[in-house]
């Protein structure tokens, strides 16, 4: 069983995690690409918004409207009550069906969410629902840990055990370095890159692109992110 994000203590611990690496090599490239592709006068769905970390970054970068959804009411409450939430709103989802009309959003993001899904059929259902709620020429961005980075030591986490090759759909441990030197262990699902392509294609998306960012310019110790991309970002268009 993967990590239960419905638990308050899990939410609290994750909020303490320093996501500098995710910010530098994940969120920032995603938002820059989104703004270059669509501008900032857009409506964005944040699927699996958690406590609103990425939604608030979108708002801070000038995105007109952000709507976050999550299965955890604890996370939704945390996001809704944040002082910097700006023009964003948050809603709990209780099933795979989104309570939005067809063609509602200009873009959608799903950041470190699909790695928490344990069944491939559920991945496809999510992709289909996001496809439905996007406008024509809308863009879906997926940001997840890189399945090719298992066992590599980055500055803030290790994704899987060193030397182990994980099969598609296999559960794997992720070790997050916490303030004070403790380690927060979570369990994710390893989805191979081919699976992302397959579910996006089957959902109807076209022009699927893969981005993998390394970093040779950071002034902080980022571990092996100078040589190995810790994350994958998929960009797919509803045509």
C-alpha atoms as a PDB file:
ATOM      1  CA  UNK A   1       0.000   0.000   0.000  1.00  0.00           C
ATOM      2  CA  UNK A   2       1.334   3.435  -0.917  1.00  0.00           C
ATOM      3  CA  UNK A   3       1.504   6.412   1.441  1.00  0.00           C
ATOM      4  CA  UNK A   4      -1.842   7.455   2.908  1.00  0.00           C
ATOM      5  CA  UNK A   5      -2.014  11.197   2.188  1.00  0.00           C
ATOM      6  CA  UNK A   6      -5.355  11.436   4.007  1.00  0.00           C
ATOM      7  CA  UNK A   7      -3.552  11.317   7.363  1.00  0.00           C
ATOM      8  CA  UNK A   8      -2.924  14.684   9.030  1.00  0.00           C
ATOM      9  CA  UNK A   9       0.534  13.690  10.274  1.00  0.00           C
ATOM     10  CA  UNK A  10       1.594  12.759   6.736  1.00  0.00           C
ATOM     11  CA  UNK A  11       0.392  16.112   5.437  1.00  0.00           C
ATOM     12  CA  UNK A  12       2.198  17.916   8.245  1.00  0.00           C
ATOM     13  CA  UNK A  13       5.492  16.122   7.625  1.00  0.00           C
ATOM     14  CA  UNK A  14       5.366  16.709   3.888  1.00  0.00           C
ATOM     15  CA  UNK A  15       4.841  20.428   4.433  1.00  0.00           C
ATOM     16  CA  UNK A  16       8.157  20.543   6.317  1.00  0.00           C
ATOM     17  CA  UNK A  17      10.081  18.975   3.424  1.00  0.00           C
ATOM     18  CA  UNK A  18      12.401  21.414   1.609  1.00  0.00           C
ATOM     19  CA  UNK A  19      11.278  21.226  -2.028  1.00  0.00           C
ATOM     20  CA  UNK A  20      14.088  23.394  -3.409  1.00  0.00           C
ATOM     21  CA  UNK A  21      15.021  20.746  -5.964  1.00  0.00           C
ATOM     22  CA  UNK A  22      11.413  20.282  -7.074  1.00  0.00           C
ATOM     23  CA  UNK A  23      11.086  24.060  -7.367  1.00  0.00           C
ATOM     24  CA  UNK A  24      14.255  24.504  -9.411  1.00  0.00           C
ATOM     25  CA  UNK A  25      14.024  21.518 -11.752  1.00  0.00           C
ATOM     26  CA  UNK A  26      10.285  20.875 -11.697  1.00  0.00           C
ATOM     27  CA  UNK A  27       7.850  23.664 -10.900  1.00  0.00           C
ATOM     28  CA  UNK A  28       9.848  26.525 -12.425  1.00  0.00           C
ATOM     29  CA  UNK A  29      10.408  24.872 -15.839  1.00  0.00           C
ATOM     30  CA  UNK A  30       6.764  23.775 -15.898  1.00  0.00           C
ATOM     31  CA  UNK A  31       5.383  27.238 -15.187  1.00  0.00           C
ATOM     32  CA  UNK A  32       7.789  28.882 -17.627  1.00  0.00           C
ATOM     33  CA  UNK A  33       6.749  26.450 -20.363  1.00  0.00           C
ATOM     34  CA  UNK A  34       3.072  26.996 -19.592  1.00  0.00           C
ATOM     35  CA  UNK A  35       3.357  30.778 -19.797  1.00  0.00           C
ATOM     36  CA  UNK A  36       5.389  30.606 -23.019  1.00  0.00           C
ATOM     37  CA  UNK A  37       2.792  28.296 -24.557  1.00  0.00           C
ATOM     38  CA  UNK A  38      -0.459  29.840 -23.310  1.00  0.00           C
ATOM     39  CA  UNK A  39       0.319  33.157 -21.637  1.00  0.00           C
ATOM     40  CA  UNK A  40      -0.863  33.901 -18.115  1.00  0.00           C
ATOM     41  CA  UNK A  41      -4.474  34.969 -18.679  1.00  0.00           C
ATOM     42  CA  UNK A  42      -5.577  31.360 -18.292  1.00  0.00           C
ATOM     43  CA  UNK A  43      -7.505  29.018 -16.024  1.00  0.00           C
ATOM     44  CA  UNK A  44      -5.504  26.066 -14.676  1.00  0.00           C
ATOM     45  CA  UNK A  45      -6.603  22.847 -12.976  1.00  0.00           C
ATOM     46  CA  UNK A  46      -4.187  21.558 -10.325  1.00  0.00           C
ATOM     47  CA  UNK A  47      -5.094  17.874 -10.075  1.00  0.00           C
ATOM     48  CA  UNK A  48      -3.897  16.468  -6.745  1.00  0.00           C
ATOM     49  CA  UNK A  49      -3.130  19.919  -5.368  1.00  0.00           C
ATOM     50  CA  UNK A  50      -2.241  18.781  -1.857  1.00  0.00           C
ATOM     51  CA  UNK A  51      -1.725  21.753   0.423  1.00  0.00           C
ATOM     52  CA  UNK A  52      -1.591  24.151  -2.526  1.00  0.00           C
ATOM     53  CA  UNK A  53       2.187  24.532  -2.907  1.00  0.00           C
ATOM     54  CA  UNK A  54       2.145  24.508  -6.702  1.00  0.00           C
ATOM     55  CA  UNK A  55      -1.137  26.390  -7.006  1.00  0.00           C
ATOM     56  CA  UNK A  56       0.321  29.264  -5.006  1.00  0.00           C
ATOM     57  CA  UNK A  57       3.383  29.300  -7.243  1.00  0.00           C
ATOM     58  CA  UNK A  58       1.120  29.574 -10.283  1.00  0.00           C
ATOM     59  CA  UNK A  59      -0.752  32.484  -8.714  1.00  0.00           C
ATOM     60  CA  UNK A  60       2.507  34.200  -7.747  1.00  0.00           C
ATOM     61  CA  UNK A  61       3.684  33.932 -11.366  1.00  0.00           C
ATOM     62  CA  UNK A  62       0.596  35.749 -12.630  1.00  0.00           C
ATOM     63  CA  UNK A  63      -1.688  32.884 -13.710  1.00  0.00           C
ATOM     64  CA  UNK A  64      -5.207  34.350 -13.714  1.00  0.00           C
ATOM     65  CA  UNK A  65      -7.149  31.530 -12.068  1.00  0.00           C
ATOM     66  CA  UNK A  66      -6.166  28.251 -10.406  1.00  0.00           C
ATOM     67  CA  UNK A  67      -8.536  25.505  -9.280  1.00  0.00           C
ATOM     68  CA  UNK A  68      -7.083  22.785  -7.082  1.00  0.00           C
ATOM     69  CA  UNK A  69      -8.660  19.391  -6.412  1.00  0.00           C
ATOM     70  CA  UNK A  70      -7.548  16.639  -4.040  1.00  0.00           C
ATOM     71  CA  UNK A  71      -8.967  13.534  -2.381  1.00  0.00           C
ATOM     72  CA  UNK A  72      -7.785  14.709   1.050  1.00  0.00           C
ATOM     73  CA  UNK A  73     -10.068  17.172   2.832  1.00  0.00           C
ATOM     74  CA  UNK A  74      -7.162  17.924   5.178  1.00  0.00           C
ATOM     75  CA  UNK A  75      -5.068  19.055   2.222  1.00  0.00           C
ATOM     76  CA  UNK A  76      -7.958  21.044   0.719  1.00  0.00           C
ATOM     77  CA  UNK A  77      -8.553  22.832   4.033  1.00  0.00           C
ATOM     78  CA  UNK A  78      -4.853  23.631   4.330  1.00  0.00           C
ATOM     79  CA  UNK A  79      -4.723  25.050   0.796  1.00  0.00           C
ATOM     80  CA  UNK A  80      -7.954  27.022   1.224  1.00  0.00           C
ATOM     81  CA  UNK A  81      -6.812  28.696   4.437  1.00  0.00           C
ATOM     82  CA  UNK A  82      -3.355  29.739   3.251  1.00  0.00           C
ATOM     83  CA  UNK A  83      -2.756  33.478   3.407  1.00  0.00           C
ATOM     84  CA  UNK A  84      -1.149  33.581  -0.047  1.00  0.00           C
ATOM     85  CA  UNK A  85      -3.763  31.581  -1.949  1.00  0.00           C
ATOM     86  CA  UNK A  86      -4.791  34.610  -4.040  1.00  0.00           C
ATOM     87  CA  UNK A  87      -7.253  33.856  -6.849  1.00  0.00           C
ATOM     88  CA  UNK A  88      -7.284  30.111  -6.304  1.00  0.00           C
ATOM     89  CA  UNK A  89      -9.986  27.779  -5.043  1.00  0.00           C
ATOM     90  CA  UNK A  90      -9.867  24.226  -3.740  1.00  0.00           C
ATOM     91  CA  UNK A  91     -12.283  21.307  -3.787  1.00  0.00           C
ATOM     92  CA  UNK A  92     -12.314  17.746  -2.519  1.00  0.00           C
ATOM     93  CA  UNK A  93     -12.956  15.003  -5.068  1.00  0.00           C
ATOM     94  CA  UNK A  94     -14.488  11.736  -3.886  1.00  0.00           C
ATOM     95  CA  UNK A  95     -14.424   9.757  -7.113  1.00  0.00           C
ATOM     96  CA  UNK A  96     -12.606   9.704 -10.424  1.00  0.00           C
ATOM     97  CA  UNK A  97     -15.164  12.054 -11.961  1.00  0.00           C
ATOM     98  CA  UNK A  98     -14.399  15.768 -11.897  1.00  0.00           C
ATOM     99  CA  UNK A  99     -17.305  18.099 -11.181  1.00  0.00           C
ATOM    100  CA  UNK A 100     -16.479  20.437 -14.059  1.00  0.00           C
ATOM    101  CA  UNK A 101     -18.019  20.878 -17.480  1.00  0.00           C
ATOM    102  CA  UNK A 102     -16.285  19.790 -20.674  1.00  0.00           C
ATOM    103  CA  UNK A 103     -13.742  22.313 -21.905  1.00  0.00           C
ATOM    104  CA  UNK A 104     -13.444  24.292 -18.659  1.00  0.00           C
ATOM    105  CA  UNK A 105      -9.670  24.777 -18.341  1.00  0.00           C
ATOM    106  CA  UNK A 106      -6.886  26.108 -20.544  1.00  0.00           C
ATOM    107  CA  UNK A 107      -4.304  23.893 -18.842  1.00  0.00           C
ATOM    108  CA  UNK A 108      -4.000  21.196 -16.192  1.00  0.00           C
ATOM    109  CA  UNK A 109      -1.116  20.035 -14.049  1.00  0.00           C
ATOM    110  CA  UNK A 110      -0.516  16.921 -11.979  1.00  0.00           C
ATOM    111  CA  UNK A 111       2.632  17.179  -9.867  1.00  0.00           C
ATOM    112  CA  UNK A 112       3.945  14.091  -8.056  1.00  0.00           C
ATOM    113  CA  UNK A 113       0.454  12.602  -8.083  1.00  0.00           C
ATOM    114  CA  UNK A 114       0.452   9.758 -10.615  1.00  0.00           C
ATOM    115  CA  UNK A 115       3.289   8.074  -8.709  1.00  0.00           C
ATOM    116  CA  UNK A 116       0.739   7.671  -5.884  1.00  0.00           C
ATOM    117  CA  UNK A 117      -1.675   5.786  -8.135  1.00  0.00           C
ATOM    118  CA  UNK A 118      -1.323   2.013  -7.907  1.00  0.00           C
ATOM    119  CA  UNK A 119      -3.403   0.844 -10.887  1.00  0.00           C
ATOM    120  CA  UNK A 120      -2.784   1.613 -14.571  1.00  0.00           C
ATOM    121  CA  UNK A 121      -6.542   1.731 -15.196  1.00  0.00           C
ATOM    122  CA  UNK A 122      -6.794   4.559 -12.671  1.00  0.00           C
ATOM    123  CA  UNK A 123      -4.048   6.475 -14.479  1.00  0.00           C
ATOM    124  CA  UNK A 124      -6.070   6.241 -17.670  1.00  0.00           C
ATOM    125  CA  UNK A 125      -9.270   7.384 -15.939  1.00  0.00           C
ATOM    126  CA  UNK A 126      -7.477  10.435 -14.576  1.00  0.00           C
ATOM    127  CA  UNK A 127      -6.001  11.291 -17.970  1.00  0.00           C
ATOM    128  CA  UNK A 128      -9.407  10.919 -19.649  1.00  0.00           C
ATOM    129  CA  UNK A 129     -11.125  13.183 -17.124  1.00  0.00           C
ATOM    130  CA  UNK A 130      -8.460  15.839 -17.472  1.00  0.00           C
ATOM    131  CA  UNK A 131      -8.731  15.574 -21.260  1.00  0.00           C
ATOM    132  CA  UNK A 132     -12.504  16.078 -21.009  1.00  0.00           C
ATOM    133  CA  UNK A 133     -12.244  19.196 -18.852  1.00  0.00           C
ATOM    134  CA  UNK A 134      -9.582  20.860 -21.025  1.00  0.00           C
ATOM    135  CA  UNK A 135     -10.443  23.255 -23.838  1.00  0.00           C
ATOM    136  CA  UNK A 136      -9.327  22.422 -27.361  1.00  0.00           C
ATOM    137  CA  UNK A 137      -5.571  23.070 -27.608  1.00  0.00           C
ATOM    138  CA  UNK A 138      -5.389  22.884 -23.827  1.00  0.00           C
ATOM    139  CA  UNK A 139      -2.208  21.471 -22.305  1.00  0.00           C
ATOM    140  CA  UNK A 140      -1.742  18.797 -19.654  1.00  0.00           C
ATOM    141  CA  UNK A 141       1.541  18.779 -17.715  1.00  0.00           C
ATOM    142  CA  UNK A 142       2.641  15.791 -15.633  1.00  0.00           C
ATOM    143  CA  UNK A 143       5.556  16.160 -13.224  1.00  0.00           C
ATOM    144  CA  UNK A 144       6.835  13.047 -11.422  1.00  0.00           C
ATOM    145  CA  UNK A 145      10.036  11.528 -10.096  1.00  0.00           C
ATOM    146  CA  UNK A 146      12.196  10.074 -12.842  1.00  0.00           C
ATOM    147  CA  UNK A 147      11.866   6.273 -13.095  1.00  0.00           C
ATOM    148  CA  UNK A 148      15.478   6.171 -14.333  1.00  0.00           C
ATOM    149  CA  UNK A 149      16.822   7.822 -11.165  1.00  0.00           C
ATOM    150  CA  UNK A 150      16.289   4.912  -8.763  1.00  0.00           C
ATOM    151  CA  UNK A 151      18.886   4.788  -5.993  1.00  0.00           C
ATOM    152  CA  UNK A 152      20.596   8.047  -6.985  1.00  0.00           C
ATOM    153  CA  UNK A 153      21.328  10.343  -4.059  1.00  0.00           C
ATOM    154  CA  UNK A 154      19.999  13.838  -4.569  1.00  0.00           C
ATOM    155  CA  UNK A 155      20.294  16.653  -2.059  1.00  0.00           C
ATOM    156  CA  UNK A 156      16.851  16.174  -0.550  1.00  0.00           C
ATOM    157  CA  UNK A 157      15.745  12.627  -1.395  1.00  0.00           C
ATOM    158  CA  UNK A 158      16.601   9.167  -2.669  1.00  0.00           C
ATOM    159  CA  UNK A 159      14.074   7.618  -5.048  1.00  0.00           C
ATOM    160  CA  UNK A 160      14.179   3.842  -4.544  1.00  0.00           C
ATOM    161  CA  UNK A 161      16.904   1.483  -3.414  1.00  0.00           C
ATOM    162  CA  UNK A 162      20.377   1.683  -4.946  1.00  0.00           C
ATOM    163  CA  UNK A 163      21.043  -0.959  -7.594  1.00  0.00           C
ATOM    164  CA  UNK A 164      17.431  -2.128  -7.868  1.00  0.00           C
ATOM    165  CA  UNK A 165      15.531  -1.987 -11.157  1.00  0.00           C
ATOM    166  CA  UNK A 166      11.835  -1.498 -10.528  1.00  0.00           C
ATOM    167  CA  UNK A 167       9.227  -3.009 -12.789  1.00  0.00           C
ATOM    168  CA  UNK A 168       6.331  -0.978 -14.129  1.00  0.00           C
ATOM    169  CA  UNK A 169       3.716  -0.547 -11.426  1.00  0.00           C
ATOM    170  CA  UNK A 170       5.972  -1.766  -8.618  1.00  0.00           C
ATOM    171  CA  UNK A 171       5.901  -0.027  -5.256  1.00  0.00           C
ATOM    172  CA  UNK A 172       9.158   1.653  -4.215  1.00  0.00           C
ATOM    173  CA  UNK A 173      10.358   3.574  -1.154  1.00  0.00           C
ATOM    174  CA  UNK A 174      11.345   7.226  -1.339  1.00  0.00           C
ATOM    175  CA  UNK A 175      13.420   8.755   1.439  1.00  0.00           C
ATOM    176  CA  UNK A 176      12.901  12.481   2.030  1.00  0.00           C
ATOM    177  CA  UNK A 177      15.523  14.383   4.030  1.00  0.00           C
ATOM    178  CA  UNK A 178      13.806  16.470   6.693  1.00  0.00           C
ATOM    179  CA  UNK A 179      14.954  19.476   8.750  1.00  0.00           C
ATOM    180  CA  UNK A 180      17.007  18.356  11.730  1.00  0.00           C
ATOM    181  CA  UNK A 181      18.421  15.310   9.975  1.00  0.00           C
ATOM    182  CA  UNK A 182      15.449  12.937  10.159  1.00  0.00           C
ATOM    183  CA  UNK A 183      14.189  10.965   7.158  1.00  0.00           C
ATOM    184  CA  UNK A 184      10.547  10.709   6.102  1.00  0.00           C
ATOM    185  CA  UNK A 185       9.884   7.467   4.200  1.00  0.00           C
ATOM    186  CA  UNK A 186       7.032   7.359   1.723  1.00  0.00           C
ATOM    187  CA  UNK A 187       5.973   4.705  -0.797  1.00  0.00           C
ATOM    188  CA  UNK A 188       5.415   5.563  -4.457  1.00  0.00           C
ATOM    189  CA  UNK A 189       4.640   3.570  -7.588  1.00  0.00           C
ATOM    190  CA  UNK A 190       7.241   3.253 -10.327  1.00  0.00           C
ATOM    191  CA  UNK A 191       5.685   4.026 -13.694  1.00  0.00           C
ATOM    192  CA  UNK A 192       7.963   3.659 -16.702  1.00  0.00           C
ATOM    193  CA  UNK A 193       8.093   6.439 -19.271  1.00  0.00           C
ATOM    194  CA  UNK A 194       6.389   4.207 -21.819  1.00  0.00           C
ATOM    195  CA  UNK A 195       3.366   4.002 -19.524  1.00  0.00           C
ATOM    196  CA  UNK A 196       2.976   7.788 -19.427  1.00  0.00           C
ATOM    197  CA  UNK A 197       3.095   7.922 -23.228  1.00  0.00           C
ATOM    198  CA  UNK A 198       0.595   5.074 -23.486  1.00  0.00           C
ATOM    199  CA  UNK A 199      -2.034   6.486 -21.126  1.00  0.00           C
ATOM    200  CA  UNK A 200      -1.768   9.979 -22.616  1.00  0.00           C
ATOM    201  CA  UNK A 201      -2.167   8.591 -26.129  1.00  0.00           C
ATOM    202  CA  UNK A 202      -5.109   6.420 -25.150  1.00  0.00           C
ATOM    203  CA  UNK A 203      -6.807   9.358 -23.412  1.00  0.00           C
ATOM    204  CA  UNK A 204      -6.642  11.283 -26.697  1.00  0.00           C
ATOM    205  CA  UNK A 205      -3.686  13.625 -26.188  1.00  0.00           C
ATOM    206  CA  UNK A 206      -1.345  14.489 -29.065  1.00  0.00           C
ATOM    207  CA  UNK A 207       2.097  16.078 -29.492  1.00  0.00           C
ATOM    208  CA  UNK A 208       3.415  14.478 -26.306  1.00  0.00           C
ATOM    209  CA  UNK A 209       6.807  15.820 -25.218  1.00  0.00           C
ATOM    210  CA  UNK A 210       9.168  14.655 -22.469  1.00  0.00           C
ATOM    211  CA  UNK A 211      11.467  17.046 -20.583  1.00  0.00           C
ATOM    212  CA  UNK A 212      14.226  16.024 -18.160  1.00  0.00           C
ATOM    213  CA  UNK A 213      16.148  18.835 -16.478  1.00  0.00           C
ATOM    214  CA  UNK A 214      19.577  18.679 -14.872  1.00  0.00           C
ATOM    215  CA  UNK A 215      21.231  21.582 -13.066  1.00  0.00           C
ATOM    216  CA  UNK A 216      24.822  22.773 -13.391  1.00  0.00           C
ATOM    217  CA  UNK A 217      24.268  26.287 -12.051  1.00  0.00           C
ATOM    218  CA  UNK A 218      22.772  25.932  -8.585  1.00  0.00           C
ATOM    219  CA  UNK A 219      24.658  27.586  -5.737  1.00  0.00           C
ATOM    220  CA  UNK A 220      23.404  24.880  -3.359  1.00  0.00           C
ATOM    221  CA  UNK A 221      24.439  21.262  -2.933  1.00  0.00           C
ATOM    222  CA  UNK A 222      21.919  19.416  -5.087  1.00  0.00           C
ATOM    223  CA  UNK A 223      23.562  16.009  -5.078  1.00  0.00           C
ATOM    224  CA  UNK A 224      23.681  14.152  -8.379  1.00  0.00           C
ATOM    225  CA  UNK A 225      21.088  16.394 -10.071  1.00  0.00           C
ATOM    226  CA  UNK A 226      23.996  17.899 -12.005  1.00  0.00           C
ATOM    227  CA  UNK A 227      24.387  14.614 -13.890  1.00  0.00           C
ATOM    228  CA  UNK A 228      21.030  12.858 -13.566  1.00  0.00           C
ATOM    229  CA  UNK A 229      17.589  14.454 -14.037  1.00  0.00           C
ATOM    230  CA  UNK A 230      15.606  13.716 -10.859  1.00  0.00           C
ATOM    231  CA  UNK A 231      12.218  14.393 -12.467  1.00  0.00           C
ATOM    232  CA  UNK A 232      10.290  13.852 -15.686  1.00  0.00           C
ATOM    233  CA  UNK A 233       7.868  16.393 -17.136  1.00  0.00           C
ATOM    234  CA  UNK A 234       5.379  15.395 -19.818  1.00  0.00           C
ATOM    235  CA  UNK A 235       3.559  17.973 -21.914  1.00  0.00           C
ATOM    236  CA  UNK A 236       0.527  16.794 -23.892  1.00  0.00           C
ATOM    237  CA  UNK A 237      -1.982  18.734 -25.981  1.00  0.00           C
ATOM    238  CA  UNK A 238      -5.702  18.224 -26.513  1.00  0.00           C
ATOM    239  CA  UNK A 239      -6.178  18.672 -30.250  1.00  0.00           C
END
